[in-house]
Amino acid sequence: MFRKKTMEELNRLSNEEAQQADKHPIIVILDDIRSMHNVGAAFRTSDAFFVHSLYLCGYTPQPPHRDIHKTALGATETVNWQHFETTLQAVEQAKTDGYKIVAIEQAHDSIPLNEYKWDRQEKIALVFGNEVTGVSDEVMQVADACIEIPQYGAKHSINISVCMGVVLWELVR
């Protein structure tokens, strides 16, 4: 029989400890995300996988907002984040800081996620696109690589928050 772990048994870090901890050299870039719930989920997922930073771009909603906080469950306090007027500005900043830009998109010549090889010493910035239009064409033109999650069903996409969880888990496991 299984017994759920207590909060003490989970050995969670305090907000301050989480902010100061060594994190994976990953930036998550959100390219014009519409849903505050998806943004909140991005914070929570970034916290769970120890992402270095989260870049909110364009009209992507920003904290503080009740709907973001509802989904983030406090992760807005543990994840480093900043806003950029455009996703291209965020990508340029990440490149300047030594990050390889990796679009997460269904595209010609993309690499299936299960075949992508990441050297954990390499700094990468993962760009997740708008819920309807995906990663912008201008960002696709400057990306260093493109990862695609293989899908087998009738629908052509999965929600960005689910996509983030799948990609980050595969990379850090």
C-alpha atoms as a PDB file:
ATOM      1  CA  MET A   1       0.000   0.000   0.000  1.00  0.00           C
ATOM      2  CA  PHE A   2       1.169   3.514  -0.766  1.00  0.00           C
ATOM      3  CA  ARG A   3       1.120   6.477   1.570  1.00  0.00           C
ATOM      4  CA  LYS A   4       1.386  10.049   0.382  1.00  0.00           C
ATOM      5  CA  LYS A   5       4.407  11.954   1.641  1.00  0.00           C
ATOM      6  CA  THR A   6       3.845  14.689   4.188  1.00  0.00           C
ATOM      7  CA  MET A   7       4.996  18.241   3.462  1.00  0.00           C
ATOM      8  CA  GLU A   8       7.959  17.690   5.806  1.00  0.00           C
ATOM      9  CA  GLU A   9       8.971  14.519   3.940  1.00  0.00           C
ATOM     10  CA  LEU A  10       9.019  16.400   0.627  1.00  0.00           C
ATOM     11  CA  ASN A  11      11.937  18.552   1.866  1.00  0.00           C
ATOM     12  CA  ARG A  12      10.838  21.577  -0.155  1.00  0.00           C
ATOM     13  CA  LEU A  13      13.045  24.646  -0.309  1.00  0.00           C
ATOM     14  CA  SER A  14      11.884  27.944   1.109  1.00  0.00           C
ATOM     15  CA  ASN A  15      11.189  30.713  -1.399  1.00  0.00           C
ATOM     16  CA  GLU A  16      14.510  32.330  -0.501  1.00  0.00           C
ATOM     17  CA  GLU A  17      16.423  29.052  -0.880  1.00  0.00           C
ATOM     18  CA  ALA A  18      14.759  28.398  -4.247  1.00  0.00           C
ATOM     19  CA  GLN A  19      15.671  31.865  -5.508  1.00  0.00           C
ATOM     20  CA  GLN A  20      19.337  31.396  -4.546  1.00  0.00           C
ATOM     21  CA  ALA A  21      19.753  27.759  -5.655  1.00  0.00           C
ATOM     22  CA  ASP A  22      21.825  26.668  -8.659  1.00  0.00           C
ATOM     23  CA  LYS A  23      19.390  26.058 -11.481  1.00  0.00           C
ATOM     24  CA  HIS A  24      19.481  24.400 -14.867  1.00  0.00           C
ATOM     25  CA  PRO A  25      20.973  26.694 -17.545  1.00  0.00           C
ATOM     26  CA  ILE A  26      17.562  27.032 -19.207  1.00  0.00           C
ATOM     27  CA  ILE A  27      15.538  30.116 -20.010  1.00  0.00           C
ATOM     28  CA  VAL A  28      11.899  29.664 -20.980  1.00  0.00           C
ATOM     29  CA  ILE A  29      10.690  32.345 -23.399  1.00  0.00           C
ATOM     30  CA  LEU A  30       6.932  32.811 -23.802  1.00  0.00           C
ATOM     31  CA  ASP A  31       6.085  34.289 -27.215  1.00  0.00           C
ATOM     32  CA  ASP A  32       2.810  36.279 -26.958  1.00  0.00           C
ATOM     33  CA  ILE A  33       0.906  33.875 -24.735  1.00  0.00           C
ATOM     34  CA  ARG A  34      -2.748  34.893 -24.291  1.00  0.00           C
ATOM     35  CA  SER A  35      -3.913  32.906 -21.273  1.00  0.00           C
ATOM     36  CA  MET A  36      -3.088  33.978 -17.731  1.00  0.00           C
ATOM     37  CA  HIS A  37      -3.635  30.376 -16.665  1.00  0.00           C
ATOM     38  CA  ASN A  38      -0.950  29.238 -19.125  1.00  0.00           C
ATOM     39  CA  VAL A  39       1.404  31.890 -17.745  1.00  0.00           C
ATOM     40  CA  GLY A  40       0.727  30.743 -14.189  1.00  0.00           C
ATOM     41  CA  ALA A  41       1.351  27.147 -15.247  1.00  0.00           C
ATOM     42  CA  ALA A  42       4.606  28.253 -16.908  1.00  0.00           C
ATOM     43  CA  PHE A  43       5.776  29.726 -13.600  1.00  0.00           C
ATOM     44  CA  ARG A  44       4.857  26.582 -11.718  1.00  0.00           C
ATOM     45  CA  THR A  45       6.506  24.293 -14.261  1.00  0.00           C
ATOM     46  CA  SER A  46       9.623  26.493 -14.355  1.00  0.00           C
ATOM     47  CA  ASP A  47       9.847  26.212 -10.571  1.00  0.00           C
ATOM     48  CA  ALA A  48       9.363  22.429 -10.651  1.00  0.00           C
ATOM     49  CA  PHE A  49      12.190  21.916 -13.166  1.00  0.00           C
ATOM     50  CA  PHE A  50      14.554  24.556 -11.701  1.00  0.00           C
ATOM     51  CA  VAL A  51      14.567  26.782 -14.794  1.00  0.00           C
ATOM     52  CA  HIS A  52      16.996  29.693 -14.529  1.00  0.00           C
ATOM     53  CA  SER A  53      14.609  32.364 -15.839  1.00  0.00           C
ATOM     54  CA  LEU A  54      11.258  32.946 -17.479  1.00  0.00           C
ATOM     55  CA  TYR A  55      10.923  35.664 -20.137  1.00  0.00           C
ATOM     56  CA  LEU A  56       7.420  37.008 -20.738  1.00  0.00           C
ATOM     57  CA  CYS A  57       7.195  38.667 -24.149  1.00  0.00           C
ATOM     58  CA  GLY A  58       4.857  41.005 -25.982  1.00  0.00           C
ATOM     59  CA  TYR A  59       1.315  40.856 -24.672  1.00  0.00           C
ATOM     60  CA  THR A  60       1.993  37.836 -22.456  1.00  0.00           C
ATOM     61  CA  PRO A  61       0.324  38.668 -19.101  1.00  0.00           C
ATOM     62  CA  GLN A  62       2.611  39.487 -16.183  1.00  0.00           C
ATOM     63  CA  PRO A  63       2.321  39.196 -12.422  1.00  0.00           C
ATOM     64  CA  PRO A  64       0.854  40.432 -10.270  1.00  0.00           C
ATOM     65  CA  HIS A  65      -2.530  39.178 -11.386  1.00  0.00           C
ATOM     66  CA  ARG A  66      -5.007  37.036  -9.523  1.00  0.00           C
ATOM     67  CA  ASP A  67      -5.462  34.535 -12.395  1.00  0.00           C
ATOM     68  CA  ILE A  68      -1.689  34.049 -12.794  1.00  0.00           C
ATOM     69  CA  HIS A  69      -1.243  33.583  -9.050  1.00  0.00           C
ATOM     70  CA  LYS A  70      -4.149  31.122  -8.917  1.00  0.00           C
ATOM     71  CA  THR A  71      -2.323  28.737 -11.254  1.00  0.00           C
ATOM     72  CA  ALA A  72       1.266  29.547 -10.229  1.00  0.00           C
ATOM     73  CA  LEU A  73       0.621  28.683  -6.557  1.00  0.00           C
ATOM     74  CA  GLY A  74       3.451  30.921  -5.351  1.00  0.00           C
ATOM     75  CA  ALA A  75       5.961  30.177  -8.126  1.00  0.00           C
ATOM     76  CA  THR A  76       5.983  33.852  -9.131  1.00  0.00           C
ATOM     77  CA  GLU A  77       8.005  34.298  -5.927  1.00  0.00           C
ATOM     78  CA  THR A  78      10.581  31.586  -6.731  1.00  0.00           C
ATOM     79  CA  VAL A  79      11.175  31.958 -10.486  1.00  0.00           C
ATOM     80  CA  ASN A  80      13.315  34.767 -11.883  1.00  0.00           C
ATOM     81  CA  TRP A  81      11.343  36.519 -14.619  1.00  0.00           C
ATOM     82  CA  GLN A  82      11.345  39.606 -16.743  1.00  0.00           C
ATOM     83  CA  HIS A  83       9.219  41.171 -19.453  1.00  0.00           C
ATOM     84  CA  PHE A  84      10.359  42.110 -22.961  1.00  0.00           C
ATOM     85  CA  GLU A  85       8.402  44.253 -25.403  1.00  0.00           C
ATOM     86  CA  THR A  86       9.022  41.702 -28.154  1.00  0.00           C
ATOM     87  CA  THR A  87      10.081  38.091 -28.259  1.00  0.00           C
ATOM     88  CA  LEU A  88      12.874  39.003 -30.648  1.00  0.00           C
ATOM     89  CA  GLN A  89      14.328  41.327 -27.972  1.00  0.00           C
ATOM     90  CA  ALA A  90      14.222  38.469 -25.452  1.00  0.00           C
ATOM     91  CA  VAL A  91      15.912  36.135 -27.940  1.00  0.00           C
ATOM     92  CA  GLU A  92      18.611  38.712 -28.681  1.00  0.00           C
ATOM     93  CA  GLN A  93      19.251  39.169 -24.941  1.00  0.00           C
ATOM     94  CA  ALA A  94      19.476  35.406 -24.443  1.00  0.00           C
ATOM     95  CA  LYS A  95      21.921  35.106 -27.365  1.00  0.00           C
ATOM     96  CA  THR A  96      24.030  37.939 -25.931  1.00  0.00           C
ATOM     97  CA  ASP A  97      24.100  36.025 -22.634  1.00  0.00           C
ATOM     98  CA  GLY A  98      25.400  32.908 -24.406  1.00  0.00           C
ATOM     99  CA  TYR A  99      22.189  30.905 -24.754  1.00  0.00           C
ATOM    100  CA  LYS A 100      21.399  28.674 -27.727  1.00  0.00           C
ATOM    101  CA  ILE A 101      17.880  29.480 -28.993  1.00  0.00           C
ATOM    102  CA  VAL A 102      15.632  26.429 -29.364  1.00  0.00           C
ATOM    103  CA  ALA A 103      12.130  26.880 -30.768  1.00  0.00           C
ATOM    104  CA  ILE A 104       9.511  24.360 -29.696  1.00  0.00           C
ATOM    105  CA  GLU A 105       7.426  24.081 -32.843  1.00  0.00           C
ATOM    106  CA  GLN A 106       6.152  21.787 -35.572  1.00  0.00           C
ATOM    107  CA  ALA A 107       8.460  22.729 -38.428  1.00  0.00           C
ATOM    108  CA  HIS A 108      10.380  21.358 -41.369  1.00  0.00           C
ATOM    109  CA  ASP A 109      13.758  19.968 -40.244  1.00  0.00           C
ATOM    110  CA  SER A 110      12.746  20.012 -36.568  1.00  0.00           C
ATOM    111  CA  ILE A 111      14.315  17.455 -34.232  1.00  0.00           C
ATOM    112  CA  PRO A 112      11.938  15.042 -32.505  1.00  0.00           C
ATOM    113  CA  LEU A 113      12.138  15.712 -28.760  1.00  0.00           C
ATOM    114  CA  ASN A 114      13.215  12.144 -27.994  1.00  0.00           C
ATOM    115  CA  GLU A 115      16.191  12.563 -30.371  1.00  0.00           C
ATOM    116  CA  TYR A 116      17.364  15.977 -29.153  1.00  0.00           C
ATOM    117  CA  LYS A 117      20.678  15.771 -27.299  1.00  0.00           C
ATOM    118  CA  TRP A 118      21.340  18.486 -24.741  1.00  0.00           C
ATOM    119  CA  ASP A 119      24.681  18.872 -23.028  1.00  0.00           C
ATOM    120  CA  ARG A 120      23.643  20.037 -19.559  1.00  0.00           C
ATOM    121  CA  GLN A 121      26.560  22.477 -19.510  1.00  0.00           C
ATOM    122  CA  GLU A 122      25.130  24.242 -22.572  1.00  0.00           C
ATOM    123  CA  LYS A 123      22.886  27.240 -21.925  1.00  0.00           C
ATOM    124  CA  ILE A 124      19.600  26.945 -23.836  1.00  0.00           C
ATOM    125  CA  ALA A 125      16.597  29.215 -24.243  1.00  0.00           C
ATOM    126  CA  LEU A 126      13.390  27.367 -25.103  1.00  0.00           C
ATOM    127  CA  VAL A 127      10.827  29.436 -27.025  1.00  0.00           C
ATOM    128  CA  PHE A 128       7.190  28.415 -26.589  1.00  0.00           C
ATOM    129  CA  GLY A 129       4.736  30.085 -28.959  1.00  0.00           C
ATOM    130  CA  ASN A 130       1.294  31.601 -28.941  1.00  0.00           C
ATOM    131  CA  GLU A 131      -1.614  29.223 -28.343  1.00  0.00           C
ATOM    132  CA  VAL A 132      -2.969  29.748 -31.881  1.00  0.00           C
ATOM    133  CA  THR A 133      -0.097  30.878 -34.120  1.00  0.00           C
ATOM    134  CA  GLY A 134       2.870  29.185 -32.411  1.00  0.00           C
ATOM    135  CA  VAL A 135       6.400  30.582 -32.370  1.00  0.00           C
ATOM    136  CA  SER A 136       6.596  33.733 -34.501  1.00  0.00           C
ATOM    137  CA  ASP A 137       8.195  33.487 -37.946  1.00  0.00           C
ATOM    138  CA  GLU A 138      10.844  36.088 -37.033  1.00  0.00           C
ATOM    139  CA  VAL A 139      11.974  33.992 -34.062  1.00  0.00           C
ATOM    140  CA  MET A 140      11.948  30.822 -36.187  1.00  0.00           C
ATOM    141  CA  GLN A 141      14.381  32.562 -38.568  1.00  0.00           C
ATOM    142  CA  VAL A 142      16.953  33.190 -35.817  1.00  0.00           C
ATOM    143  CA  ALA A 143      16.541  29.979 -33.813  1.00  0.00           C
ATOM    144  CA  ASP A 144      19.591  27.724 -33.557  1.00  0.00           C
ATOM    145  CA  ALA A 145      17.464  24.574 -33.354  1.00  0.00           C
ATOM    146  CA  CYS A 146      13.853  23.465 -33.377  1.00  0.00           C
ATOM    147  CA  ILE A 147      12.354  20.658 -31.293  1.00  0.00           C
ATOM    148  CA  GLU A 148       9.047  18.987 -32.073  1.00  0.00           C
ATOM    149  CA  ILE A 149       7.069  16.716 -29.765  1.00  0.00           C
ATOM    150  CA  PRO A 150       5.971  13.666 -31.768  1.00  0.00           C
ATOM    151  CA  GLN A 151       2.175  13.417 -31.705  1.00  0.00           C
ATOM    152  CA  TYR A 152      -0.069  10.635 -32.934  1.00  0.00           C
ATOM    153  CA  GLY A 153      -3.675  11.758 -32.475  1.00  0.00           C
ATOM    154  CA  ALA A 154      -6.132  13.651 -34.641  1.00  0.00           C
ATOM    155  CA  LYS A 155      -5.356  17.067 -33.123  1.00  0.00           C
ATOM    156  CA  HIS A 156      -2.331  18.986 -34.326  1.00  0.00           C
ATOM    157  CA  SER A 157      -1.142  20.461 -31.048  1.00  0.00           C
ATOM    158  CA  ILE A 158      -1.154  20.266 -27.265  1.00  0.00           C
ATOM    159  CA  ASN A 159      -1.626  23.033 -24.724  1.00  0.00           C
ATOM    160  CA  ILE A 160       1.482  25.120 -24.057  1.00  0.00           C
ATOM    161  CA  SER A 161       1.529  24.251 -20.356  1.00  0.00           C
ATOM    162  CA  VAL A 162       1.489  20.534 -21.153  1.00  0.00           C
ATOM    163  CA  CYS A 163       4.096  21.077 -23.876  1.00  0.00           C
ATOM    164  CA  MET A 164       6.394  22.833 -21.393  1.00  0.00           C
ATOM    165  CA  GLY A 165       6.103  20.001 -18.915  1.00  0.00           C
ATOM    166  CA  VAL A 166       6.868  17.364 -21.542  1.00  0.00           C
ATOM    167  CA  VAL A 167       9.876  19.230 -22.988  1.00  0.00           C
ATOM    168  CA  LEU A 168      11.401  20.207 -19.640  1.00  0.00           C
ATOM    169  CA  TRP A 169      10.985  16.730 -18.188  1.00  0.00           C
ATOM    170  CA  GLU A 170      12.625  15.130 -21.218  1.00  0.00           C
ATOM    171  CA  LEU A 171      15.558  17.563 -21.071  1.00  0.00           C
ATOM    172  CA  VAL A 172      16.322  17.411 -17.349  1.00  0.00           C
ATOM    173  CA  ARG A 173      15.542  13.770 -16.551  1.00  0.00           C
END
